[in-house]
Amino acid sequence: MKQKSIYIGLLPVMLAFFCMGFVDMVGTATNYAQKDLGLDDATANIFPSMVFFWFLIFSVPTGMLMSRIGQRKTVVISLIVTAVSMLIPFLWYDKTSLIITFSLLGIGNTLMQVSINPLLSNIVKGDKLASSLTFGQFIKAIASFSAPLIATRAALMFDDWRMIYPLFLTISIISTIWLSMIHIEEEKQNEKGVGFTQCFKLLGNGFILLSFLGIMCHVGIDVGTNVTAPRILMERLGLTELNDANYATSVYFAFRTAGCFLGAFILARFSAKKFFALSVVLMALGMVGLYFLEGELILCLCIGLIGFGNSNVFSVILSRAMLFMPDKKNEISGLMIMGLFGGTIFPFFMGQATKFLDGSQIGALIVMSIGVFYLLFLSMKIKEERKTMIEN
């Protein structure tokens, strides 16, 4: 009976993870909108920046809201906002509507990311949490992987890539209704709620600060590769049509999906810190290859290595941070999700660097490489932190 109740709560939460993946269509949408509206890289990169800007503004307030109304209700609100964001671009399509759409998508995703991870921790306990978070990221990655393929198919069949929005709108509505109908027993948190001061005080802890910066780099690389992968293929292979290069984003998310799937099992049995280090090394190899190698197959392999390596970084960092201070899960979740603001910072500087180098995507790669170098550094600090925790 207990096992049955776990699945009753787990299934709608996993569908919500799928809806969380809608945010990753921002790369595909940005590239199509850039073509449709005739924008340069620096201007087009405003769109993904608008999505992730709201993580800075709404992460801590979401933690405060979550302490008042509960985690499940906060996820339901996030799904409603996501559904609205899926409706706008199908009815109204220009630069202004896209900014509004991506802003709502970012707000909805902020609400969801802050609340869904502690919600899942009420269903799955202890050492299995990292594995379960990774499985949730695997479900999310399915949406991320399918979005570019669906958009490309819609562009070819209907001459309108925006046909993806009604499909995702329908799924959002189903997820909202399903999660609204179930009950999940939530652990009691601080009755006074989560405040800005409590959250930002946590940055005074060295491990939490390093984890926060690690989340920023993870999502910066994720969004950066999402947006830049098709541009790299177009630049290196001399392609002129986005439809011919858009599959590069799906390659990235296909490898990331595979990484999440394998990571769910690996993290359940083996050392998280060693797997984290291996993941970052794979990302570094892929990044180096994009600088120096040529050819469609090898470039796709390098993009895939970055996707596979980046697939479990978020889960490991977040789960270790939450387990490091288990009595402050809401504060930790809000603070770590605020780190997704890196998805605003990286595309901005990538666009500027590309513009500085006369449109060369090497500029974007340089900015992403900074994030990879930091994660290499963090992999060593995680090992040291583990030793410190054992000693204490």
Protein backbone atom coordinates (compact mmCIF):
# COMPACT_ATOMS: atom_id res chain seq x y z
CA MET A 1 0.00 0.00 0.00
CA LYS A 2 2.85 2.34 0.86
CA GLN A 3 4.54 1.59 -2.46
CA LYS A 4 1.26 2.30 -4.29
CA SER A 5 0.91 5.69 -2.56
CA ILE A 6 4.45 6.58 -3.64
CA TYR A 7 3.56 5.99 -7.29
CA ILE A 8 0.32 7.96 -6.92
CA GLY A 9 2.38 10.99 -5.93
CA LEU A 10 5.38 10.28 -8.15
CA LEU A 11 3.66 10.01 -11.54
CA PRO A 12 2.04 13.49 -11.65
CA VAL A 13 5.23 15.02 -10.26
CA MET A 14 7.19 13.39 -13.09
CA LEU A 15 4.73 14.79 -15.64
CA ALA A 16 5.38 18.20 -14.08
CA PHE A 17 9.11 17.57 -14.63
CA PHE A 18 8.24 17.01 -18.30
CA CYS A 19 6.50 20.40 -18.39
CA MET A 20 9.59 21.90 -16.77
CA GLY A 21 11.48 20.84 -19.91
CA PHE A 22 9.44 23.28 -22.01
CA VAL A 23 11.89 25.97 -20.93
CA ASP A 24 14.60 24.31 -23.03
CA MET A 25 12.71 25.05 -26.24
CA VAL A 26 14.02 28.60 -25.80
CA GLY A 27 17.07 27.76 -27.94
CA THR A 28 14.99 26.45 -30.83
CA ALA A 29 12.47 29.30 -30.50
CA THR A 30 15.28 31.86 -30.41
CA ASN A 31 16.88 30.56 -33.58
CA TYR A 32 13.59 30.43 -35.49
CA ALA A 33 12.58 33.88 -34.23
CA GLN A 34 15.99 35.24 -35.19
CA LYS A 35 15.42 34.02 -38.73
CA ASP A 36 11.79 35.18 -38.90
CA LEU A 37 12.46 38.65 -37.46
CA GLY A 38 15.91 39.23 -38.99
CA LEU A 39 17.86 39.67 -35.74
CA ASP A 40 21.61 39.44 -35.06
CA ASP A 41 23.04 37.08 -32.40
CA ALA A 42 23.36 39.74 -29.70
CA THR A 43 19.73 40.84 -30.11
CA ALA A 44 18.33 37.31 -30.43
CA ASN A 45 20.11 36.25 -27.24
CA ILE A 46 17.84 38.64 -25.35
CA PHE A 47 15.12 35.97 -25.56
CA PRO A 48 16.86 33.26 -23.47
CA SER A 49 18.09 36.01 -21.16
CA MET A 50 14.49 37.02 -20.52
CA VAL A 51 13.63 33.46 -19.53
CA PHE A 52 16.36 33.10 -16.93
CA PHE A 53 16.36 36.68 -15.65
CA TRP A 54 13.29 35.86 -13.55
CA PHE A 55 15.16 33.20 -11.58
CA LEU A 56 17.06 36.06 -9.95
CA ILE A 57 13.87 37.97 -9.09
CA PHE A 58 11.40 35.22 -8.14
CA SER A 59 13.43 32.37 -6.63
CA VAL A 60 13.46 33.61 -3.03
CA PRO A 61 9.85 34.96 -3.13
CA THR A 62 8.82 31.52 -4.42
CA GLY A 63 10.47 29.96 -1.37
CA MET A 64 8.45 32.35 0.80
CA LEU A 65 5.24 31.48 -1.07
CA MET A 66 6.02 27.78 -0.81
CA SER A 67 6.39 28.03 2.98
CA ARG A 68 2.93 29.58 3.19
CA ILE A 69 0.82 27.54 0.75
CA GLY A 70 2.89 24.36 0.38
CA GLN A 71 5.05 22.85 -2.31
CA ARG A 72 2.34 21.05 -4.30
CA LYS A 73 0.15 24.14 -4.66
CA THR A 74 3.18 26.17 -5.76
CA VAL A 75 3.92 23.61 -8.50
CA VAL A 76 0.28 23.82 -9.63
CA ILE A 77 0.54 27.63 -9.92
CA SER A 78 3.74 27.21 -11.93
CA LEU A 79 1.96 24.90 -14.36
CA ILE A 80 -0.83 27.45 -14.86
CA VAL A 81 1.70 30.20 -15.68
CA THR A 82 3.51 27.82 -18.05
CA ALA A 83 0.24 27.03 -19.83
CA VAL A 84 -0.43 30.74 -20.39
CA SER A 85 3.08 31.19 -21.81
CA MET A 86 2.37 28.40 -24.31
CA LEU A 87 -0.76 30.17 -25.55
CA ILE A 88 0.58 33.66 -26.35
CA PRO A 89 3.02 33.06 -29.26
CA PHE A 90 0.48 31.02 -31.20
CA LEU A 91 -1.96 33.96 -31.11
CA TRP A 92 0.48 36.90 -31.25
CA TYR A 93 3.93 36.66 -32.83
CA ASP A 94 6.43 39.50 -32.84
CA LYS A 95 9.42 40.62 -30.77
CA THR A 96 7.22 42.05 -27.99
CA SER A 97 5.05 38.94 -27.70
CA LEU A 98 8.12 36.73 -27.52
CA ILE A 99 9.59 38.80 -24.71
CA ILE A 100 6.29 38.45 -22.80
CA THR A 101 6.13 34.72 -23.61
CA PHE A 102 9.68 34.01 -22.48
CA SER A 103 9.19 36.14 -19.36
CA LEU A 104 6.10 34.14 -18.36
CA LEU A 105 7.89 30.89 -19.21
CA GLY A 106 10.77 31.98 -16.97
CA ILE A 107 8.46 32.95 -14.11
CA GLY A 108 6.56 29.67 -14.36
CA ASN A 109 9.77 27.69 -14.52
CA THR A 110 11.17 29.53 -11.51
CA LEU A 111 8.08 28.65 -9.46
CA MET A 112 8.35 25.04 -10.61
CA GLN A 113 12.08 24.52 -10.11
CA VAL A 114 12.05 25.97 -6.60
CA SER A 115 9.06 23.91 -5.45
CA ILE A 116 9.21 20.61 -7.33
CA ASN A 117 12.56 19.44 -5.92
CA PRO A 118 11.57 19.71 -2.23
CA LEU A 119 8.15 18.30 -3.20
CA LEU A 120 9.88 15.23 -4.62
CA SER A 121 11.95 14.94 -1.43
CA ASN A 122 8.68 14.29 0.45
CA ILE A 123 8.07 11.25 -1.75
CA VAL A 124 11.62 9.88 -2.05
CA LYS A 125 13.86 10.00 1.01
CA GLY A 126 17.54 10.01 1.93
CA ASP A 127 20.33 8.76 -0.30
CA LYS A 128 17.91 7.94 -3.14
CA LEU A 129 17.10 11.64 -3.57
CA ALA A 130 19.96 12.39 -5.99
CA SER A 131 18.94 9.43 -8.13
CA SER A 132 15.28 10.51 -8.11
CA LEU A 133 16.17 14.10 -8.96
CA THR A 134 18.24 12.81 -11.85
CA PHE A 135 15.33 10.67 -13.05
CA GLY A 136 13.17 13.79 -12.93
CA GLN A 137 15.80 15.55 -15.03
CA PHE A 138 15.64 12.59 -17.43
CA ILE A 139 11.89 13.13 -17.84
CA LYS A 140 12.53 16.85 -18.30
CA ALA A 141 15.18 16.06 -20.90
CA ILE A 142 12.65 14.09 -22.99
CA ALA A 143 10.72 17.33 -23.49
CA SER A 144 13.98 19.18 -24.18
CA PHE A 145 15.03 16.57 -26.73
CA SER A 146 11.70 16.42 -28.52
CA ALA A 147 11.08 20.18 -28.80
CA PRO A 148 13.56 20.90 -31.65
CA LEU A 149 12.36 17.84 -33.57
CA ILE A 150 8.70 18.80 -33.21
CA ALA A 151 9.42 22.42 -34.17
CA THR A 152 11.38 21.34 -37.26
CA ARG A 153 8.64 18.89 -38.28
CA ALA A 154 6.02 21.62 -37.79
CA ALA A 155 8.08 24.02 -39.91
CA LEU A 156 8.31 21.46 -42.72
CA MET A 157 4.71 20.19 -42.56
CA PHE A 158 2.78 23.36 -41.72
CA ASP A 159 5.36 26.02 -42.60
CA ASP A 160 4.97 27.20 -39.00
CA TRP A 161 7.27 26.00 -36.23
CA ARG A 162 4.87 27.51 -33.66
CA MET A 163 2.54 24.52 -33.97
CA ILE A 164 4.59 23.10 -31.09
CA TYR A 165 2.83 25.47 -28.69
CA PRO A 166 -0.71 23.95 -28.80
CA LEU A 167 0.78 20.52 -28.06
CA PHE A 168 2.72 21.73 -25.04
CA LEU A 169 -0.28 23.79 -23.91
CA THR A 170 -2.41 20.63 -23.80
CA ILE A 171 0.19 18.74 -21.77
CA SER A 172 0.46 21.66 -19.33
CA ILE A 173 -3.29 21.63 -18.75
CA ILE A 174 -3.35 17.86 -18.14
CA SER A 175 -0.45 18.14 -15.68
CA THR A 176 -2.17 21.00 -13.82
CA ILE A 177 -5.41 19.05 -13.38
CA TRP A 178 -3.67 15.81 -12.35
CA LEU A 179 -1.43 17.38 -9.71
CA SER A 180 -4.37 19.41 -8.36
CA MET A 181 -6.31 16.21 -7.65
CA ILE A 182 -3.75 14.38 -5.50
CA HIS A 183 -2.50 14.78 -1.92
CA ILE A 184 1.17 14.63 -0.91
CA GLU A 185 2.16 14.73 2.76
CA GLU A 186 4.70 17.53 3.08
CA GLU A 187 7.30 17.87 5.82
CA LYS A 188 6.77 20.91 8.05
CA GLN A 189 9.19 23.73 7.42
CA ASN A 190 9.86 26.97 9.25
CA GLU A 191 6.42 28.39 10.03
CA LYS A 192 7.78 31.95 9.79
CA GLY A 193 8.48 31.33 6.14
CA VAL A 194 11.58 31.85 4.04
CA GLY A 195 12.93 35.40 3.79
CA PHE A 196 15.57 37.08 1.68
CA THR A 197 17.85 37.44 4.68
CA GLN A 198 17.70 33.74 5.59
CA CYS A 199 18.45 32.71 2.01
CA PHE A 200 21.32 35.08 1.37
CA LYS A 201 22.88 34.30 4.75
CA LEU A 202 23.43 30.78 3.47
CA LEU A 203 25.92 32.16 0.94
CA GLY A 204 28.21 32.77 3.91
CA ASN A 205 28.76 29.02 4.00
CA GLY A 206 31.62 28.15 1.64
CA PHE A 207 30.07 24.95 0.31
CA ILE A 208 26.71 26.62 -0.38
CA LEU A 209 28.40 29.53 -2.19
CA LEU A 210 30.45 27.17 -4.37
CA SER A 211 27.30 25.17 -5.14
CA PHE A 212 25.39 28.34 -6.07
CA LEU A 213 28.11 29.38 -8.54
CA GLY A 214 28.19 25.83 -9.88
CA ILE A 215 24.48 25.98 -10.68
CA MET A 216 25.06 29.28 -12.51
CA CYS A 217 27.76 27.70 -14.67
CA HIS A 218 25.73 24.54 -15.31
CA VAL A 219 22.71 26.37 -16.68
CA GLY A 220 24.87 28.88 -18.54
CA ILE A 221 26.54 26.04 -20.43
CA ASP A 222 23.18 24.34 -20.94
CA VAL A 223 21.44 27.37 -22.43
CA GLY A 224 24.59 28.37 -24.31
CA THR A 225 24.93 25.00 -26.04
CA ASN A 226 21.19 24.89 -26.68
CA VAL A 227 21.33 28.18 -28.59
CA THR A 228 24.80 27.91 -30.13
CA ALA A 229 24.97 24.29 -31.36
CA PRO A 230 23.01 24.91 -34.62
CA ARG A 231 24.97 28.11 -35.23
CA ILE A 232 28.25 26.21 -34.94
CA LEU A 233 27.14 23.65 -37.52
CA MET A 234 25.95 26.40 -39.87
CA GLU A 235 29.26 28.23 -39.48
CA ARG A 236 31.57 25.22 -39.84
CA LEU A 237 29.61 23.27 -42.49
CA GLY A 238 28.48 26.23 -44.58
CA LEU A 239 24.78 25.55 -44.03
CA THR A 240 22.30 28.32 -44.84
CA GLU A 241 19.00 26.85 -43.62
CA LEU A 242 18.24 26.57 -39.90
CA ASN A 243 16.13 23.46 -40.52
CA ASP A 244 19.30 21.73 -41.75
CA ALA A 245 21.22 22.52 -38.55
CA ASN A 246 18.51 22.56 -35.88
CA TYR A 247 19.02 18.86 -35.17
CA ALA A 248 22.24 19.84 -33.35
CA THR A 249 20.10 20.95 -30.40
CA SER A 250 18.38 17.56 -30.39
CA VAL A 251 21.79 15.85 -30.44
CA TYR A 252 22.71 17.81 -27.32
CA PHE A 253 19.49 16.89 -25.54
CA ALA A 254 19.55 13.29 -26.77
CA PHE A 255 22.92 12.79 -25.06
CA ARG A 256 21.71 14.72 -22.06
CA THR A 257 18.61 12.51 -21.89
CA ALA A 258 20.78 9.39 -22.04
CA GLY A 259 23.03 10.85 -19.35
CA CYS A 260 20.08 11.53 -17.05
CA PHE A 261 18.72 8.03 -17.60
CA LEU A 262 22.06 6.36 -16.83
CA GLY A 263 22.79 8.79 -14.03
CA ALA A 264 19.59 7.80 -12.22
CA PHE A 265 21.02 4.28 -11.84
CA ILE A 266 24.69 5.21 -11.41
CA LEU A 267 24.01 7.74 -8.64
CA ALA A 268 21.93 5.16 -6.79
CA ARG A 269 24.94 2.84 -6.55
CA PHE A 270 28.18 4.77 -6.92
CA SER A 271 29.95 7.85 -5.57
CA ALA A 272 28.26 11.10 -6.60
CA LYS A 273 31.51 13.09 -6.36
CA LYS A 274 33.42 10.75 -8.72
CA PHE A 275 30.57 10.72 -11.22
CA PHE A 276 30.43 14.51 -11.04
CA ALA A 277 34.15 14.77 -11.82
CA LEU A 278 33.84 12.35 -14.75
CA SER A 279 30.88 14.32 -16.10
CA VAL A 280 32.80 17.59 -16.08
CA VAL A 281 35.81 15.99 -17.80
CA LEU A 282 33.51 14.84 -20.62
CA MET A 283 32.18 18.39 -20.94
CA ALA A 284 35.73 19.74 -21.15
CA LEU A 285 36.65 17.24 -23.88
CA GLY A 286 33.59 18.21 -25.90
CA MET A 287 34.33 21.91 -25.52
CA VAL A 288 37.94 21.50 -26.64
CA GLY A 289 36.76 19.53 -29.67
CA LEU A 290 34.43 22.35 -30.74
CA TYR A 291 37.41 24.71 -30.87
CA PHE A 292 39.69 22.62 -33.05
CA LEU A 293 37.81 19.83 -34.85
CA GLU A 294 35.89 19.84 -38.13
CA GLY A 295 33.30 17.59 -39.77
CA GLU A 296 29.62 17.05 -39.09
CA LEU A 297 29.94 13.75 -37.21
CA ILE A 298 32.78 14.85 -34.93
CA LEU A 299 31.13 18.18 -34.15
CA CYS A 300 27.91 16.35 -33.20
CA LEU A 301 29.92 14.00 -31.00
CA CYS A 302 31.50 16.97 -29.20
CA ILE A 303 28.07 18.55 -28.69
CA GLY A 304 26.85 15.19 -27.38
CA LEU A 305 29.73 14.94 -24.90
CA ILE A 306 28.79 18.33 -23.47
CA GLY A 307 25.17 17.21 -23.18
CA PHE A 308 26.04 13.89 -21.54
CA GLY A 309 28.46 15.54 -19.12
CA ASN A 310 26.07 18.34 -18.17
CA SER A 311 23.13 15.99 -17.60
CA ASN A 312 23.76 15.20 -13.93
CA VAL A 313 25.58 18.31 -12.71
CA PHE A 314 22.42 20.03 -11.47
CA SER A 315 21.11 16.98 -9.59
CA VAL A 316 24.38 16.30 -7.79
CA ILE A 317 24.90 19.92 -6.74
CA LEU A 318 21.30 20.47 -5.63
CA SER A 319 20.92 17.18 -3.76
CA ARG A 320 24.22 17.62 -1.91
CA ALA A 321 23.30 21.18 -0.95
CA MET A 322 19.85 20.10 0.33
CA LEU A 323 21.32 17.18 2.28
CA PHE A 324 24.06 19.46 3.64
CA MET A 325 21.37 21.54 5.40
CA PRO A 326 18.25 19.31 5.47
CA ASP A 327 16.39 21.62 7.88
CA LYS A 328 16.62 24.47 5.35
CA LYS A 329 15.40 22.71 2.21
CA ASN A 330 13.12 25.54 1.13
CA GLU A 331 15.84 28.17 1.57
CA ILE A 332 18.44 25.99 -0.19
CA SER A 333 16.09 25.20 -3.06
CA GLY A 334 15.20 28.87 -3.56
CA LEU A 335 18.84 29.92 -3.45
CA MET A 336 20.08 27.19 -5.78
CA ILE A 337 17.33 27.86 -8.31
CA MET A 338 18.28 31.53 -8.19
CA GLY A 339 21.59 30.31 -9.59
CA LEU A 340 19.74 29.51 -12.83
CA PHE A 341 20.13 33.23 -13.43
CA GLY A 342 23.33 32.06 -15.09
CA GLY A 343 21.10 31.35 -18.08
CA THR A 344 20.75 35.13 -18.46
CA ILE A 345 24.39 36.05 -17.88
CA PHE A 346 26.00 33.52 -20.23
CA PRO A 347 23.89 34.18 -23.39
CA PHE A 348 24.40 37.93 -22.96
CA PHE A 349 28.19 37.68 -22.83
CA MET A 350 28.19 34.98 -25.51
CA GLY A 351 26.32 37.32 -27.84
CA GLN A 352 28.69 40.18 -27.08
CA ALA A 353 31.78 38.01 -27.52
CA THR A 354 30.48 36.67 -30.84
CA LYS A 355 29.76 40.21 -32.00
CA PHE A 356 33.27 41.31 -30.94
CA LEU A 357 34.79 38.50 -33.04
CA ASP A 358 32.80 39.54 -36.14
CA GLY A 359 30.12 36.88 -35.72
CA SER A 360 32.44 33.94 -35.01
CA GLN A 361 30.97 31.36 -32.63
CA ILE A 362 34.42 31.02 -31.04
CA GLY A 363 33.36 33.99 -28.92
CA ALA A 364 30.43 32.00 -27.51
CA LEU A 365 32.68 28.99 -26.88
CA ILE A 366 35.14 31.12 -24.89
CA VAL A 367 32.38 32.26 -22.52
CA MET A 368 31.05 28.70 -22.06
CA SER A 369 34.57 27.43 -21.42
CA ILE A 370 34.81 29.68 -18.36
CA GLY A 371 31.88 27.78 -16.88
CA VAL A 372 33.50 24.41 -17.62
CA PHE A 373 36.75 25.50 -15.94
CA TYR A 374 34.82 26.48 -12.83
CA LEU A 375 33.02 23.14 -12.68
CA LEU A 376 36.41 21.39 -12.91
CA PHE A 377 37.48 23.45 -9.92
CA LEU A 378 34.22 22.64 -8.10
CA SER A 379 34.69 18.90 -8.66
CA MET A 380 37.87 19.11 -6.57
CA LYS A 381 36.23 21.23 -3.88
CA ILE A 382 33.30 18.78 -3.60
CA LYS A 383 35.80 16.04 -2.82
CA GLU A 384 37.45 18.21 -0.17
CA GLU A 385 34.06 19.17 1.29
CA ARG A 386 33.13 15.49 1.56
CA LYS A 387 36.27 14.88 3.63
CA THR A 388 35.45 17.86 5.84
CA MET A 389 31.91 16.59 6.46
CA ILE A 390 33.25 13.17 7.46
CA GLU A 391 35.81 14.72 9.83
CA ASN A 392 33.16 16.88 11.46
